[in-house]
Structures are given as C-alpha cells and as structure tokens.
N, C-alpha and C. Protein backbone atom coordinates (compact mmCIF):
# COMPACT_ATOMS: atom_id res chain seq x y z
N UNK A 1 0.85 -1.17 0.00
CA UNK A 1 0.00 0.00 0.00
C UNK A 1 0.89 1.23 0.00
N UNK A 2 0.52 2.23 -0.79
CA UNK A 2 1.29 3.46 -0.93
C UNK A 2 0.99 4.41 0.23
N UNK A 3 2.04 5.00 0.79
CA UNK A 3 1.87 5.97 1.86
C UNK A 3 1.27 7.25 1.31
N UNK A 4 0.34 7.85 2.08
CA UNK A 4 -0.29 9.09 1.64
C UNK A 4 0.34 10.32 2.27
N UNK A 5 1.26 10.10 3.21
CA UNK A 5 1.90 11.22 3.88
C UNK A 5 2.99 11.82 3.02
N UNK A 6 3.06 13.15 3.02
CA UNK A 6 4.11 13.82 2.26
C UNK A 6 5.33 14.13 3.12
N UNK A 7 5.23 13.87 4.43
CA UNK A 7 6.36 14.12 5.31
C UNK A 7 7.10 12.82 5.55
N UNK A 8 8.40 12.90 5.68
CA UNK A 8 9.21 11.71 5.92
C UNK A 8 9.81 11.79 7.31
N UNK A 9 9.75 10.67 8.02
CA UNK A 9 10.32 10.61 9.36
C UNK A 9 11.73 10.05 9.28
N UNK A 10 12.64 10.59 10.04
CA UNK A 10 13.99 10.02 10.08
C UNK A 10 13.93 8.59 10.60
N UNK A 11 14.75 7.71 10.04
CA UNK A 11 14.75 6.30 10.42
C UNK A 11 15.18 6.08 11.86
N UNK A 12 15.96 6.99 12.43
CA UNK A 12 16.49 6.80 13.77
C UNK A 12 15.78 7.62 14.83
N UNK A 13 14.68 8.26 14.48
CA UNK A 13 14.02 9.15 15.43
C UNK A 13 12.64 8.65 15.79
N UNK A 14 12.26 8.82 17.04
CA UNK A 14 10.91 8.50 17.48
C UNK A 14 10.02 9.73 17.43
N UNK A 15 10.60 10.88 17.13
CA UNK A 15 9.84 12.12 17.11
C UNK A 15 9.07 12.25 15.80
N UNK A 16 7.94 12.92 15.89
CA UNK A 16 7.14 13.19 14.69
C UNK A 16 7.88 14.20 13.82
N UNK A 17 7.62 14.18 12.52
CA UNK A 17 8.30 15.13 11.64
C UNK A 17 7.83 16.55 11.93
N UNK A 18 8.65 17.51 11.59
CA UNK A 18 8.30 18.92 11.76
C UNK A 18 7.15 19.26 10.82
N UNK A 19 6.18 19.99 11.33
CA UNK A 19 5.06 20.42 10.51
C UNK A 19 5.33 21.82 9.97
N UNK A 20 4.92 22.04 8.75
CA UNK A 20 5.10 23.34 8.11
C UNK A 20 3.75 24.03 7.99
N UNK A 21 3.78 25.28 7.63
CA UNK A 21 2.52 26.01 7.41
C UNK A 21 1.72 25.34 6.31
N UNK A 22 2.41 24.81 5.30
CA UNK A 22 1.71 24.11 4.20
C UNK A 22 0.94 22.90 4.73
N UNK A 23 1.52 22.18 5.70
CA UNK A 23 0.82 21.05 6.30
C UNK A 23 -0.48 21.51 6.96
N UNK A 24 -0.40 22.61 7.70
CA UNK A 24 -1.59 23.13 8.37
C UNK A 24 -2.61 23.65 7.36
N UNK A 25 -2.14 24.26 6.28
CA UNK A 25 -3.05 24.78 5.25
C UNK A 25 -3.82 23.65 4.57
N UNK A 26 -3.20 22.47 4.46
CA UNK A 26 -3.86 21.32 3.84
C UNK A 26 -4.75 20.54 4.81
N UNK A 27 -4.68 20.86 6.08
CA UNK A 27 -5.41 20.10 7.09
C UNK A 27 -6.91 20.18 6.87
N UNK A 28 -7.57 19.06 7.17
CA UNK A 28 -9.04 19.02 7.14
C UNK A 28 -9.52 19.07 8.58
N UNK A 29 -10.40 19.99 8.87
CA UNK A 29 -10.95 20.12 10.22
C UNK A 29 -12.18 19.23 10.30
N UNK A 30 -12.14 18.30 11.28
CA UNK A 30 -13.23 17.33 11.39
C UNK A 30 -13.67 17.20 12.84
N UNK A 31 -14.98 17.03 13.01
CA UNK A 31 -15.57 16.76 14.32
C UNK A 31 -16.47 15.56 14.14
N UNK A 32 -16.23 14.52 14.93
CA UNK A 32 -17.00 13.28 14.86
C UNK A 32 -17.04 12.74 13.43
N UNK A 33 -15.91 12.83 12.74
CA UNK A 33 -15.79 12.27 11.40
C UNK A 33 -16.36 13.12 10.28
N UNK A 34 -16.87 14.29 10.59
CA UNK A 34 -17.47 15.15 9.56
C UNK A 34 -16.62 16.40 9.36
N UNK A 35 -16.45 16.80 8.09
CA UNK A 35 -15.75 18.04 7.80
C UNK A 35 -16.55 19.22 8.36
N UNK A 36 -15.85 20.15 9.01
CA UNK A 36 -16.51 21.32 9.60
C UNK A 36 -15.68 22.56 9.31
N UNK A 37 -16.30 23.71 9.53
CA UNK A 37 -15.59 24.98 9.37
C UNK A 37 -14.63 25.18 10.54
N UNK A 38 -13.71 26.11 10.38
CA UNK A 38 -12.77 26.42 11.46
C UNK A 38 -13.52 26.85 12.72
N UNK A 39 -14.56 27.66 12.58
CA UNK A 39 -15.32 28.12 13.74
C UNK A 39 -15.99 26.94 14.45
N UNK A 40 -16.55 26.00 13.69
CA UNK A 40 -17.19 24.83 14.30
C UNK A 40 -16.16 23.96 15.02
N UNK A 41 -14.99 23.81 14.39
CA UNK A 41 -13.93 23.00 14.98
C UNK A 41 -13.44 23.63 16.28
N UNK A 42 -13.20 24.95 16.25
CA UNK A 42 -12.73 25.65 17.45
C UNK A 42 -13.75 25.55 18.57
N UNK A 43 -15.01 25.67 18.23
CA UNK A 43 -16.06 25.56 19.23
C UNK A 43 -16.07 24.16 19.86
N UNK A 44 -15.91 23.14 19.03
CA UNK A 44 -15.90 21.76 19.53
C UNK A 44 -14.69 21.52 20.44
N UNK A 45 -13.54 22.03 20.04
CA UNK A 45 -12.33 21.84 20.84
C UNK A 45 -12.46 22.58 22.16
N UNK A 46 -12.92 23.80 22.12
CA UNK A 46 -13.07 24.58 23.36
C UNK A 46 -14.11 23.98 24.28
N UNK A 47 -15.11 23.31 23.71
CA UNK A 47 -16.17 22.72 24.51
C UNK A 47 -15.73 21.48 25.26
N UNK A 48 -14.65 20.85 24.84
CA UNK A 48 -14.21 19.61 25.48
C UNK A 48 -13.56 19.85 26.83
N UNK A 49 -12.65 20.77 26.89
CA UNK A 49 -11.92 21.03 28.14
C UNK A 49 -11.83 22.53 28.34
N UNK A 50 -12.39 22.97 29.43
CA UNK A 50 -12.32 24.40 29.74
C UNK A 50 -10.93 24.71 30.27
N UNK A 51 -10.34 25.76 29.77
CA UNK A 51 -9.03 26.20 30.24
C UNK A 51 -9.22 27.42 31.12
N UNK A 52 -8.36 27.54 32.09
CA UNK A 52 -8.40 28.70 32.97
C UNK A 52 -6.99 29.28 33.05
N UNK A 53 -6.88 30.55 32.78
CA UNK A 53 -5.58 31.21 32.85
C UNK A 53 -5.27 31.54 34.30
N UNK A 54 -4.08 31.09 34.74
CA UNK A 54 -3.62 31.38 36.10
C UNK A 54 -2.15 31.77 36.04
N UNK A 55 -1.68 32.36 37.11
CA UNK A 55 -0.25 32.60 37.28
C UNK A 55 0.24 31.66 38.35
N UNK A 56 1.34 31.00 38.10
CA UNK A 56 1.88 30.05 39.06
C UNK A 56 3.40 30.20 39.06
N UNK A 57 3.98 30.11 40.23
CA UNK A 57 5.43 30.19 40.36
C UNK A 57 5.97 28.77 40.45
N UNK A 58 6.88 28.42 39.55
CA UNK A 58 7.51 27.11 39.54
C UNK A 58 9.01 27.29 39.73
N UNK A 59 9.65 26.33 40.36
CA UNK A 59 11.10 26.37 40.52
C UNK A 59 11.75 26.35 39.14
N UNK A 60 12.83 27.11 38.98
CA UNK A 60 13.52 27.21 37.70
C UNK A 60 13.93 25.85 37.15
N UNK A 61 14.47 24.92 37.97
CA UNK A 61 14.84 23.62 37.41
C UNK A 61 13.65 22.83 36.84
N UNK A 62 12.48 23.02 37.43
CA UNK A 62 11.29 22.34 36.91
C UNK A 62 10.92 22.89 35.54
N UNK A 63 10.92 24.20 35.41
CA UNK A 63 10.61 24.82 34.12
C UNK A 63 11.63 24.40 33.08
N UNK A 64 12.91 24.42 33.45
CA UNK A 64 13.97 24.02 32.52
C UNK A 64 13.79 22.58 32.07
N UNK A 65 13.42 21.70 33.00
CA UNK A 65 13.20 20.29 32.67
C UNK A 65 12.08 20.16 31.63
N UNK A 66 10.95 20.80 31.88
CA UNK A 66 9.82 20.67 30.96
C UNK A 66 10.10 21.34 29.61
N UNK A 67 10.86 22.42 29.61
CA UNK A 67 11.24 23.03 28.34
C UNK A 67 12.13 22.09 27.54
N UNK A 68 13.05 21.41 28.23
CA UNK A 68 13.93 20.45 27.55
C UNK A 68 13.13 19.27 27.01
N UNK A 69 12.19 18.79 27.79
CA UNK A 69 11.36 17.67 27.36
C UNK A 69 10.49 18.07 26.17
N UNK A 70 9.97 19.28 26.21
CA UNK A 70 9.03 19.74 25.19
C UNK A 70 9.71 20.01 23.86
N UNK A 71 10.97 20.40 23.88
CA UNK A 71 11.64 20.77 22.63
C UNK A 71 10.95 21.98 22.04
N UNK A 72 10.45 21.84 20.82
CA UNK A 72 9.78 22.97 20.16
C UNK A 72 8.28 23.01 20.46
N UNK A 73 7.77 21.99 21.14
CA UNK A 73 6.36 22.00 21.53
C UNK A 73 6.20 22.92 22.73
N UNK A 74 4.98 23.18 23.13
CA UNK A 74 4.74 24.05 24.26
C UNK A 74 5.00 23.35 25.57
N UNK A 75 5.92 23.88 26.36
CA UNK A 75 6.26 23.23 27.63
C UNK A 75 5.10 23.31 28.61
N UNK A 76 4.26 24.33 28.51
CA UNK A 76 3.11 24.43 29.40
C UNK A 76 2.13 23.29 29.14
N UNK A 77 2.02 22.86 27.89
CA UNK A 77 1.16 21.73 27.55
C UNK A 77 1.69 20.47 28.20
N UNK A 78 3.02 20.31 28.19
CA UNK A 78 3.63 19.13 28.80
C UNK A 78 3.38 19.13 30.32
N UNK A 79 3.50 20.28 30.95
CA UNK A 79 3.22 20.38 32.39
C UNK A 79 1.76 20.03 32.64
N UNK A 80 0.86 20.56 31.83
CA UNK A 80 -0.57 20.29 31.99
C UNK A 80 -0.86 18.80 31.83
N UNK A 81 -0.28 18.18 30.80
CA UNK A 81 -0.49 16.74 30.57
C UNK A 81 0.04 15.92 31.74
N UNK A 82 1.19 16.32 32.28
CA UNK A 82 1.78 15.61 33.41
C UNK A 82 0.87 15.70 34.63
N UNK A 83 0.39 16.88 34.92
CA UNK A 83 -0.52 17.06 36.06
C UNK A 83 -1.81 16.26 35.86
N UNK A 84 -2.33 16.25 34.64
CA UNK A 84 -3.55 15.48 34.36
C UNK A 84 -3.32 14.00 34.61
N UNK A 85 -2.16 13.47 34.16
CA UNK A 85 -1.85 12.05 34.37
C UNK A 85 -1.74 11.73 35.86
N UNK A 86 -1.14 12.63 36.62
CA UNK A 86 -1.02 12.42 38.06
C UNK A 86 -2.41 12.33 38.68
N UNK A 87 -3.28 13.22 38.29
CA UNK A 87 -4.65 13.21 38.83
C UNK A 87 -5.38 11.94 38.43
N UNK A 88 -5.28 11.57 37.15
CA UNK A 88 -6.02 10.41 36.64
C UNK A 88 -5.52 9.10 37.22
N UNK A 89 -4.24 9.00 37.48
CA UNK A 89 -3.68 7.73 37.94
C UNK A 89 -3.49 7.65 39.44
N UNK A 90 -3.63 8.75 40.13
CA UNK A 90 -3.42 8.75 41.57
C UNK A 90 -1.97 8.54 41.95
N UNK A 91 -1.07 8.79 41.01
CA UNK A 91 0.34 8.56 41.27
C UNK A 91 0.91 9.51 42.31
N UNK A 92 0.35 10.67 42.46
CA UNK A 92 0.88 11.62 43.42
C UNK A 92 0.87 11.02 44.82
N UNK A 93 -0.26 10.45 45.21
CA UNK A 93 -0.35 9.85 46.54
C UNK A 93 0.65 8.71 46.69
N UNK A 94 0.74 7.85 45.70
CA UNK A 94 1.67 6.73 45.77
C UNK A 94 3.11 7.22 45.83
N UNK A 95 3.45 8.23 45.04
CA UNK A 95 4.81 8.78 45.06
C UNK A 95 5.13 9.40 46.41
N UNK A 96 4.19 10.15 46.96
CA UNK A 96 4.43 10.78 48.27
C UNK A 96 4.64 9.72 49.35
N UNK A 97 3.83 8.68 49.31
CA UNK A 97 3.98 7.61 50.30
C UNK A 97 5.36 6.94 50.17
N UNK A 98 5.79 6.69 48.94
CA UNK A 98 7.09 6.07 48.70
C UNK A 98 8.22 6.96 49.22
N UNK A 99 8.14 8.24 48.91
CA UNK A 99 9.18 9.19 49.34
C UNK A 99 9.23 9.28 50.86
N UNK A 100 8.08 9.35 51.50
CA UNK A 100 8.05 9.42 52.97
C UNK A 100 8.64 8.16 53.57
N UNK A 101 8.28 6.99 53.02
CA UNK A 101 8.86 5.73 53.53
C UNK A 101 10.38 5.74 53.39
N UNK A 102 10.86 6.17 52.21
CA UNK A 102 12.31 6.21 51.99
C UNK A 102 12.98 7.16 52.97
N UNK A 103 12.38 8.34 53.18
CA UNK A 103 12.97 9.29 54.10
C UNK A 103 12.97 8.76 55.53
N UNK A 104 11.88 8.11 55.95
CA UNK A 104 11.82 7.55 57.29
C UNK A 104 12.86 6.45 57.45
N UNK A 105 13.02 5.65 56.43
CA UNK A 105 14.02 4.56 56.47
C UNK A 105 15.43 5.14 56.56
N UNK A 106 15.68 6.20 55.79
CA UNK A 106 17.01 6.85 55.81
C UNK A 106 17.28 7.47 57.17
N UNK A 107 16.27 8.12 57.76
CA UNK A 107 16.49 8.75 59.07
C UNK A 107 16.66 7.70 60.17
N UNK A 108 16.02 6.55 60.03
CA UNK A 108 16.19 5.46 61.01
C UNK A 108 17.64 4.94 61.00
N UNK A 109 18.23 4.83 59.81
CA UNK A 109 19.60 4.34 59.70
C UNK A 109 20.60 5.39 60.19
N UNK A 110 20.30 6.67 59.96
CA UNK A 110 21.23 7.74 60.36
C UNK A 110 21.21 7.98 61.86
N UNK A 111 20.08 7.76 62.48
CA UNK A 111 19.96 8.12 63.89
C UNK A 111 20.18 6.99 64.75
C-alpha cells in the first residue's frame, strides 16, 4: 500500500516530523468524522476542556526540565499533561507515600 503522507520521518528518530505552514493549510478540520468549518472546529475543541488562565510560580529547574522535554512544543502543555496524568492515575499519593517511607528509612539508619 502506498503511503499518503508527504512528510518523511527520520529512520532513527521517534519524534514526529516537523510540521510546516503548508501542512496546516492542507489540514481538514473534522468533528466526529465530519468536515466542519474552522469556527465549528474551534467551538468543539473549546467545549471539550475548559481552560483557565492562572499565574503560578515554579522552581527554575522544573521549568527548565519541561522546556527540555518539550523541545519545540509548548512546555506548558507538557506540564498540563503531566498534572492530568497524576490526577487520573493517583500517582501523586503513591509517590508521596514512597518518598516518605524512603525518608523515614534513611532517618532510622542515620539516627
């Protein structure tokens, strides 16, 4: 079967190819499998998840880490996705419990 994509991925990379303005210009906007106008598409996307603008102070190393992970993508999106995964999986509680156990174990050996 012939590939329909005009972009080529490097053989050694797991990253998606860079998108150009031409790629976006050729894009078809679809909602539930139906072609829609840009306004209809934006309305559908905005209706799925409400966003709220806030100001938050993060430690510089945390911001640097997420910027490095994000590359050219939006690092704020990566932070948002990470927080969402923590909430959905309950990993925060499990991680905190593990860290507290490790710290208690370390302090027991030191004292």
